[in-house]
Amino acid sequence: MRRRLYVICPNLQAAQKTMNDLLLARIPEGRIHTLARRDAPMDGLHEANVLQKTDIVHGAELGLVIGAVGGLALGVALVLLPWIHYDFEPVTILLTTLGGALFGSWVASLVAASVPNSHLLAFEKEIQDGKYLMMVDVPYRRVDDVEALVRREHPEDRYGGIEPNLPAFP
């Protein structure tokens, strides 16, 4: 189980130093994601990708549920309603549920790809002011150690808190 820690660094040099210390603390580079303004240099930093920047994962999950419910309703209607003059088998319910779940997940993730990550809205002003947001994914047992490291070695950085439920995909 992982937790995501947020650290706000005031400038590129502070972000690079924080990144180096996290790497020395045996946090893999792929677990450290940095977000900054579009025009900000990212030398030596692992830039956040679309999964961290957008609500695509949340959208896909929500679309999966809504699509499955819609597909289930359609399948039940096709099998049970008497005015439909075609004999649908009960397997139709399963197929429409799966189809609805896949379609709903696909459509919702396309829409969510254009929506900023709702967890990052609290940091939006600081990012626009030129600061760097580091998202560090650490095992639950190392949260206190990494937090203490950042507070001890980098007093210029601001600790932004912990995201309690980290998605499994990013």
C-alpha atoms as a PDB file:
ATOM      1  CA  MET A   1       0.000   0.000   0.000  1.00  0.00           C
ATOM      2  CA  ARG A   2       1.431   3.359  -1.020  1.00  0.00           C
ATOM      3  CA  ARG A   3       0.756   6.896   0.046  1.00  0.00           C
ATOM      4  CA  ARG A   4       1.425  10.030  -1.984  1.00  0.00           C
ATOM      5  CA  LEU A   5       3.311  12.813  -0.222  1.00  0.00           C
ATOM      6  CA  TYR A   6       3.163  16.369  -1.551  1.00  0.00           C
ATOM      7  CA  VAL A   7       6.179  18.675  -1.238  1.00  0.00           C
ATOM      8  CA  ILE A   8       6.254  22.237  -2.584  1.00  0.00           C
ATOM      9  CA  CYS A   9       9.730  23.445  -3.554  1.00  0.00           C
ATOM     10  CA  PRO A  10      10.315  27.189  -4.026  1.00  0.00           C
ATOM     11  CA  ASN A  11      12.555  26.896  -7.113  1.00  0.00           C
ATOM     12  CA  LEU A  12      14.349  24.528  -9.478  1.00  0.00           C
ATOM     13  CA  GLN A  13      17.509  24.249  -7.360  1.00  0.00           C
ATOM     14  CA  ALA A  14      15.518  23.290  -4.240  1.00  0.00           C
ATOM     15  CA  ALA A  15      13.522  20.748  -6.265  1.00  0.00           C
ATOM     16  CA  GLN A  16      16.715  19.217  -7.648  1.00  0.00           C
ATOM     17  CA  LYS A  17      18.245  18.942  -4.166  1.00  0.00           C
ATOM     18  CA  THR A  18      15.052  17.387  -2.796  1.00  0.00           C
ATOM     19  CA  MET A  19      14.963  14.941  -5.706  1.00  0.00           C
ATOM     20  CA  ASN A  20      18.600  13.926  -5.085  1.00  0.00           C
ATOM     21  CA  ASP A  21      17.967  13.358  -1.373  1.00  0.00           C
ATOM     22  CA  LEU A  22      14.879  11.282  -2.139  1.00  0.00           C
ATOM     23  CA  LEU A  23      16.898   9.178  -4.573  1.00  0.00           C
ATOM     24  CA  LEU A  24      19.593   8.712  -1.908  1.00  0.00           C
ATOM     25  CA  ALA A  25      16.818   7.604   0.472  1.00  0.00           C
ATOM     26  CA  ARG A  26      16.108   4.797  -2.031  1.00  0.00           C
ATOM     27  CA  ILE A  27      12.888   6.203  -3.454  1.00  0.00           C
ATOM     28  CA  PRO A  28      12.834   5.084  -7.129  1.00  0.00           C
ATOM     29  CA  GLU A  29      12.835   7.905  -9.681  1.00  0.00           C
ATOM     30  CA  GLY A  30       9.607   6.565 -11.176  1.00  0.00           C
ATOM     31  CA  ARG A  31       7.864   7.217  -7.838  1.00  0.00           C
ATOM     32  CA  ILE A  32       8.823  10.912  -7.739  1.00  0.00           C
ATOM     33  CA  HIS A  33       6.673  13.080 -10.001  1.00  0.00           C
ATOM     34  CA  THR A  34       7.243  16.820 -10.393  1.00  0.00           C
ATOM     35  CA  LEU A  35       4.727  19.346 -11.645  1.00  0.00           C
ATOM     36  CA  ALA A  36       5.478  22.964 -12.539  1.00  0.00           C
ATOM     37  CA  ARG A  37       4.301  25.695 -14.901  1.00  0.00           C
ATOM     38  CA  ARG A  38       4.479  24.840 -18.588  1.00  0.00           C
ATOM     39  CA  ASP A  39       7.413  27.195 -19.202  1.00  0.00           C
ATOM     40  CA  ALA A  40       9.410  26.102 -16.137  1.00  0.00           C
ATOM     41  CA  PRO A  41      12.670  24.192 -16.661  1.00  0.00           C
ATOM     42  CA  MET A  42      12.616  20.587 -15.436  1.00  0.00           C
ATOM     43  CA  ASP A  43      16.346  19.748 -15.602  1.00  0.00           C
ATOM     44  CA  GLY A  44      17.077  16.644 -13.551  1.00  0.00           C
ATOM     45  CA  LEU A  45      13.460  16.165 -12.432  1.00  0.00           C
ATOM     46  CA  HIS A  46      11.019  13.388 -13.295  1.00  0.00           C
ATOM     47  CA  GLU A  47       8.043  15.201 -14.819  1.00  0.00           C
ATOM     48  CA  ALA A  48       4.502  14.184 -13.894  1.00  0.00           C
ATOM     49  CA  ASN A  49       2.656  12.411 -16.699  1.00  0.00           C
ATOM     50  CA  VAL A  50      -0.976  12.517 -17.772  1.00  0.00           C
ATOM     51  CA  LEU A  51      -2.020  10.081 -15.038  1.00  0.00           C
ATOM     52  CA  GLN A  52      -0.817  12.468 -12.336  1.00  0.00           C
ATOM     53  CA  LYS A  53      -1.877  15.706 -14.048  1.00  0.00           C
ATOM     54  CA  THR A  54      -5.453  14.760 -14.935  1.00  0.00           C
ATOM     55  CA  ASP A  55      -8.466  12.994 -13.439  1.00  0.00           C
ATOM     56  CA  ILE A  56      -8.243  10.183 -16.011  1.00  0.00           C
ATOM     57  CA  VAL A  57      -8.109   7.346 -13.452  1.00  0.00           C
ATOM     58  CA  HIS A  58     -11.062   8.666 -11.470  1.00  0.00           C
ATOM     59  CA  GLY A  59     -13.002   9.243 -14.697  1.00  0.00           C
ATOM     60  CA  ALA A  60     -12.348   5.723 -15.945  1.00  0.00           C
ATOM     61  CA  GLU A  61     -13.496   4.230 -12.620  1.00  0.00           C
ATOM     62  CA  LEU A  62     -16.651   6.317 -12.585  1.00  0.00           C
ATOM     63  CA  GLY A  63     -17.395   5.540 -16.241  1.00  0.00           C
ATOM     64  CA  LEU A  64     -16.901   1.832 -15.602  1.00  0.00           C
ATOM     65  CA  VAL A  65     -19.554   1.827 -12.879  1.00  0.00           C
ATOM     66  CA  ILE A  66     -22.051   4.033 -14.711  1.00  0.00           C
ATOM     67  CA  GLY A  67     -21.556   2.146 -17.997  1.00  0.00           C
ATOM     68  CA  ALA A  68     -21.998  -1.228 -16.282  1.00  0.00           C
ATOM     69  CA  VAL A  69     -25.240  -0.095 -14.639  1.00  0.00           C
ATOM     70  CA  GLY A  70     -26.502   1.263 -17.957  1.00  0.00           C
ATOM     71  CA  GLY A  71     -25.522  -1.929 -19.792  1.00  0.00           C
ATOM     72  CA  LEU A  72     -27.184  -4.046 -17.123  1.00  0.00           C
ATOM     73  CA  ALA A  73     -30.406  -2.052 -17.439  1.00  0.00           C
ATOM     74  CA  LEU A  74     -30.342  -2.382 -21.231  1.00  0.00           C
ATOM     75  CA  GLY A  75     -29.690  -6.137 -21.031  1.00  0.00           C
ATOM     76  CA  VAL A  76     -32.517  -6.703 -18.557  1.00  0.00           C
ATOM     77  CA  ALA A  77     -34.848  -4.637 -20.736  1.00  0.00           C
ATOM     78  CA  LEU A  78     -33.928  -6.591 -23.859  1.00  0.00           C
ATOM     79  CA  VAL A  79     -34.472  -9.968 -22.180  1.00  0.00           C
ATOM     80  CA  LEU A  80     -37.571  -9.254 -20.095  1.00  0.00           C
ATOM     81  CA  LEU A  81     -39.687  -6.677 -21.917  1.00  0.00           C
ATOM     82  CA  PRO A  82     -42.500  -8.345 -23.857  1.00  0.00           C
ATOM     83  CA  TRP A  83     -42.911  -5.786 -26.647  1.00  0.00           C
ATOM     84  CA  ILE A  84     -39.470  -6.492 -28.095  1.00  0.00           C
ATOM     85  CA  HIS A  85     -40.162  -9.083 -30.823  1.00  0.00           C
ATOM     86  CA  TYR A  86     -36.804 -10.791 -30.775  1.00  0.00           C
ATOM     87  CA  ASP A  87     -35.809 -13.593 -28.427  1.00  0.00           C
ATOM     88  CA  PHE A  88     -32.717 -12.478 -26.505  1.00  0.00           C
ATOM     89  CA  GLU A  89     -30.882 -15.028 -24.409  1.00  0.00           C
ATOM     90  CA  PRO A  90     -30.023 -14.312 -20.758  1.00  0.00           C
ATOM     91  CA  VAL A  91     -26.349 -14.054 -21.776  1.00  0.00           C
ATOM     92  CA  THR A  92     -27.397 -10.759 -23.350  1.00  0.00           C
ATOM     93  CA  ILE A  93     -27.447  -9.249 -19.854  1.00  0.00           C
ATOM     94  CA  LEU A  94     -23.811 -10.192 -19.313  1.00  0.00           C
ATOM     95  CA  LEU A  95     -22.713  -8.943 -22.727  1.00  0.00           C
ATOM     96  CA  THR A  96     -24.503  -5.596 -22.456  1.00  0.00           C
ATOM     97  CA  THR A  97     -23.139  -5.092 -18.922  1.00  0.00           C
ATOM     98  CA  LEU A  98     -19.565  -5.742 -20.086  1.00  0.00           C
ATOM     99  CA  GLY A  99     -20.040  -3.626 -23.194  1.00  0.00           C
ATOM    100  CA  GLY A 100     -21.523  -0.777 -21.185  1.00  0.00           C
ATOM    101  CA  ALA A 101     -18.684  -0.943 -18.656  1.00  0.00           C
ATOM    102  CA  LEU A 102     -16.019  -0.823 -21.369  1.00  0.00           C
ATOM    103  CA  PHE A 103     -17.755   1.923 -23.316  1.00  0.00           C
ATOM    104  CA  GLY A 104     -18.436   3.982 -20.195  1.00  0.00           C
ATOM    105  CA  SER A 105     -14.847   3.654 -18.991  1.00  0.00           C
ATOM    106  CA  TRP A 106     -13.469   4.654 -22.388  1.00  0.00           C
ATOM    107  CA  VAL A 107     -15.727   7.680 -22.836  1.00  0.00           C
ATOM    108  CA  ALA A 108     -15.326   8.914 -19.272  1.00  0.00           C
ATOM    109  CA  SER A 109     -11.534   8.609 -19.412  1.00  0.00           C
ATOM    110  CA  LEU A 110     -11.465  10.624 -22.647  1.00  0.00           C
ATOM    111  CA  VAL A 111     -13.466  13.363 -20.969  1.00  0.00           C
ATOM    112  CA  ALA A 112     -11.434  13.212 -17.750  1.00  0.00           C
ATOM    113  CA  ALA A 113      -8.163  13.528 -19.669  1.00  0.00           C
ATOM    114  CA  SER A 114      -8.980  17.194 -20.212  1.00  0.00           C
ATOM    115  CA  VAL A 115      -9.860  17.852 -16.550  1.00  0.00           C
ATOM    116  CA  PRO A 116      -7.068  18.798 -14.120  1.00  0.00           C
ATOM    117  CA  ASN A 117      -6.484  16.437 -11.213  1.00  0.00           C
ATOM    118  CA  SER A 118      -8.854  17.522  -8.445  1.00  0.00           C
ATOM    119  CA  HIS A 119      -6.263  16.620  -5.775  1.00  0.00           C
ATOM    120  CA  LEU A 120      -3.883  19.226  -7.196  1.00  0.00           C
ATOM    121  CA  LEU A 121      -6.283  22.184  -7.094  1.00  0.00           C
ATOM    122  CA  ALA A 122      -5.004  23.143  -3.629  1.00  0.00           C
ATOM    123  CA  PHE A 123      -1.523  23.657  -5.117  1.00  0.00           C
ATOM    124  CA  GLU A 124      -2.580  25.468  -8.303  1.00  0.00           C
ATOM    125  CA  LYS A 125      -1.710  29.001  -7.113  1.00  0.00           C
ATOM    126  CA  GLU A 126       1.750  27.974  -5.925  1.00  0.00           C
ATOM    127  CA  ILE A 127       2.472  26.184  -9.197  1.00  0.00           C
ATOM    128  CA  GLN A 128       1.422  29.267 -11.166  1.00  0.00           C
ATOM    129  CA  ASP A 129       3.701  31.377  -8.930  1.00  0.00           C
ATOM    130  CA  GLY A 130       6.670  29.358 -10.190  1.00  0.00           C
ATOM    131  CA  LYS A 131       7.034  26.761  -7.453  1.00  0.00           C
ATOM    132  CA  TYR A 132       7.535  23.053  -8.045  1.00  0.00           C
ATOM    133  CA  LEU A 133       5.171  20.413  -6.688  1.00  0.00           C
ATOM    134  CA  MET A 134       6.721  17.023  -6.013  1.00  0.00           C
ATOM    135  CA  MET A 135       4.441  14.020  -5.621  1.00  0.00           C
ATOM    136  CA  VAL A 136       6.334  11.217  -3.910  1.00  0.00           C
ATOM    137  CA  ASP A 137       4.756   7.756  -3.800  1.00  0.00           C
ATOM    138  CA  VAL A 138       6.171   5.833  -0.842  1.00  0.00           C
ATOM    139  CA  PRO A 139       5.221   2.626   0.970  1.00  0.00           C
ATOM    140  CA  TYR A 140       3.004   3.245   3.977  1.00  0.00           C
ATOM    141  CA  ARG A 141       5.718   2.169   6.421  1.00  0.00           C
ATOM    142  CA  ARG A 142       8.150   4.827   5.071  1.00  0.00           C
ATOM    143  CA  VAL A 143       5.829   7.837   5.171  1.00  0.00           C
ATOM    144  CA  ASP A 144       7.166   9.149   8.493  1.00  0.00           C
ATOM    145  CA  ASP A 145      10.805   8.631   7.470  1.00  0.00           C
ATOM    146  CA  VAL A 146      10.441  10.481   4.172  1.00  0.00           C
ATOM    147  CA  GLU A 147       8.446  13.284   5.782  1.00  0.00           C
ATOM    148  CA  ALA A 148      11.129  13.686   8.468  1.00  0.00           C
ATOM    149  CA  LEU A 149      13.858  13.698   5.812  1.00  0.00           C
ATOM    150  CA  VAL A 150      12.179  16.472   3.841  1.00  0.00           C
ATOM    151  CA  ARG A 151      11.501  18.579   6.938  1.00  0.00           C
ATOM    152  CA  ARG A 152      15.050  18.098   8.297  1.00  0.00           C
ATOM    153  CA  GLU A 153      17.096  18.508   5.119  1.00  0.00           C
ATOM    154  CA  HIS A 154      14.939  21.021   3.251  1.00  0.00           C
ATOM    155  CA  PRO A 155      13.444  23.694   5.509  1.00  0.00           C
ATOM    156  CA  GLU A 156      12.842  25.862   2.422  1.00  0.00           C
ATOM    157  CA  ASP A 157      10.345  23.280   1.125  1.00  0.00           C
ATOM    158  CA  ARG A 158       6.767  23.215   2.331  1.00  0.00           C
ATOM    159  CA  TYR A 159       5.277  19.871   3.223  1.00  0.00           C
ATOM    160  CA  GLY A 160       1.885  19.707   1.489  1.00  0.00           C
ATOM    161  CA  GLY A 161       0.359  16.675   3.195  1.00  0.00           C
ATOM    162  CA  ILE A 162      -0.508  13.098   2.315  1.00  0.00           C
ATOM    163  CA  GLU A 163      -3.038  11.700  -0.119  1.00  0.00           C
ATOM    164  CA  PRO A 164      -4.579   8.786   1.773  1.00  0.00           C
ATOM    165  CA  ASN A 165      -5.799   6.702  -1.166  1.00  0.00           C
ATOM    166  CA  LEU A 166      -3.286   6.336  -3.945  1.00  0.00           C
ATOM    167  CA  PRO A 167      -4.672   4.708  -7.120  1.00  0.00           C
ATOM    168  CA  ALA A 168      -3.024   1.457  -8.123  1.00  0.00           C
ATOM    169  CA  PHE A 169      -2.303   2.514 -11.734  1.00  0.00           C
ATOM    170  CA  PRO A 170      -0.013   5.580 -11.582  1.00  0.00           C
END
